[in-house]
Amino acid sequence: MTRLVIASVLIMAAAPAFAQTIPAQAPKAQPVASTDKSDANRIVCKTEKVIGTRLGGKKVCLTVKEWQERASVGREETDRVQRDSQLGTPSG
């Protein structure tokens, strides 16, 4: 029992020293949002709901072009599932 206590004290004493030796990470670069509404490279942030929780959602920032690509892929996937269900083919 005393060995366990001594070991835990040594680990807790070494933790702050170990934490100080880790180099700090560089801060993330923040995207610069363009004011031109037609710019495909303009950053748009949206909050997406997380299924299974009532605690809000997560913030997702993408360019206008990336949001359009996501929507296109979603539409294509929905069409495929609906088409396969009408043909009686499994959608997996």
Protein backbone atom coordinates (compact mmCIF):
# COMPACT_ATOMS: atom_id res chain seq x y z
CA MET A 1 0.00 0.00 0.00
CA THR A 2 2.79 2.44 0.83
CA ARG A 3 4.51 1.67 -2.48
CA LEU A 4 1.33 2.68 -4.28
CA VAL A 5 1.14 5.95 -2.37
CA ILE A 6 4.82 6.71 -3.04
CA ALA A 7 4.45 5.89 -6.74
CA SER A 8 1.39 8.12 -7.12
CA VAL A 9 3.15 10.99 -5.30
CA LEU A 10 6.15 10.68 -7.62
CA ILE A 11 3.94 10.63 -10.71
CA MET A 12 1.99 13.69 -9.55
CA ALA A 13 5.22 15.52 -8.73
CA ALA A 14 6.65 14.80 -12.19
CA ALA A 15 3.50 15.80 -14.10
CA PRO A 16 4.02 19.61 -13.92
CA ALA A 17 7.64 19.26 -15.03
CA PHE A 18 6.62 17.08 -17.95
CA ALA A 19 3.86 19.48 -18.96
CA GLN A 20 6.34 22.36 -19.09
CA THR A 21 8.69 20.56 -21.47
CA ILE A 22 6.06 20.16 -24.21
CA PRO A 23 6.42 23.00 -26.74
CA ALA A 24 3.37 25.18 -27.18
CA GLN A 25 1.44 24.63 -30.39
CA ALA A 26 1.15 27.48 -32.82
CA PRO A 27 -2.30 29.07 -32.82
CA LYS A 28 -4.57 28.03 -35.67
CA ALA A 29 -4.82 30.45 -38.55
CA GLN A 30 -8.26 32.00 -38.72
CA PRO A 31 -9.81 32.15 -42.18
CA VAL A 32 -10.38 35.60 -43.56
CA ALA A 33 -13.96 35.98 -44.68
CA SER A 34 -14.54 37.83 -47.91
CA THR A 35 -17.36 40.36 -48.13
CA ASP A 36 -18.14 39.54 -51.78
CA LYS A 37 -21.25 37.33 -51.71
CA SER A 38 -20.48 35.77 -55.10
CA ASP A 39 -16.93 34.73 -54.12
CA ALA A 40 -16.64 30.89 -54.10
CA ASN A 41 -13.73 31.13 -51.65
CA ARG A 42 -15.70 33.10 -49.06
CA ILE A 43 -15.80 31.29 -45.70
CA VAL A 44 -19.27 30.55 -44.32
CA CYS A 45 -19.76 29.12 -40.82
CA LYS A 46 -22.86 27.14 -39.88
CA THR A 47 -23.90 25.27 -36.77
CA GLU A 48 -24.73 21.65 -37.55
CA LYS A 49 -26.98 19.70 -35.20
CA VAL A 50 -25.50 16.63 -33.58
CA ILE A 51 -27.88 13.67 -33.65
CA GLY A 52 -28.51 12.15 -30.24
CA THR A 53 -27.93 15.23 -28.12
CA ARG A 54 -29.89 18.30 -27.12
CA LEU A 55 -26.77 20.28 -26.27
CA GLY A 56 -26.60 22.28 -29.46
CA GLY A 57 -24.33 21.50 -32.34
CA LYS A 58 -20.88 21.96 -33.73
CA LYS A 59 -19.65 24.89 -35.77
CA VAL A 60 -18.45 24.02 -39.28
CA CYS A 61 -16.67 26.58 -41.45
CA LEU A 62 -16.28 25.88 -45.17
CA THR A 63 -16.01 27.88 -48.35
CA VAL A 64 -19.11 28.57 -50.43
CA LYS A 65 -17.85 26.09 -53.02
CA GLU A 66 -17.38 23.37 -50.36
CA TRP A 67 -20.93 23.94 -49.03
CA GLN A 68 -22.27 23.63 -52.59
CA GLU A 69 -20.32 20.40 -53.13
CA ARG A 70 -21.67 18.97 -49.85
CA ALA A 71 -25.24 19.81 -50.88
CA SER A 72 -24.71 18.26 -54.32
CA VAL A 73 -23.33 15.03 -52.83
CA GLY A 74 -26.25 14.90 -50.39
CA ARG A 75 -28.79 15.32 -53.18
CA GLU A 76 -27.10 12.63 -55.29
CA GLU A 77 -27.04 10.21 -52.36
CA THR A 78 -30.71 10.86 -51.59
CA ASP A 79 -31.63 10.31 -55.24
CA ARG A 80 -29.65 7.06 -55.32
CA VAL A 81 -31.30 5.70 -52.17
CA GLN A 82 -34.77 6.62 -53.43
CA ARG A 83 -34.08 5.13 -56.87
CA ASP A 84 -32.74 1.90 -55.35
CA SER A 85 -35.70 1.60 -52.99
CA GLN A 86 -38.12 1.88 -55.93
CA LEU A 87 -36.27 -0.88 -57.75
CA GLY A 88 -36.24 -3.09 -54.66
CA THR A 89 -32.45 -3.12 -54.51
CA PRO A 90 -30.74 -2.87 -51.11
CA SER A 91 -29.04 0.51 -50.66
CA GLY A 92 -26.01 -0.76 -48.70
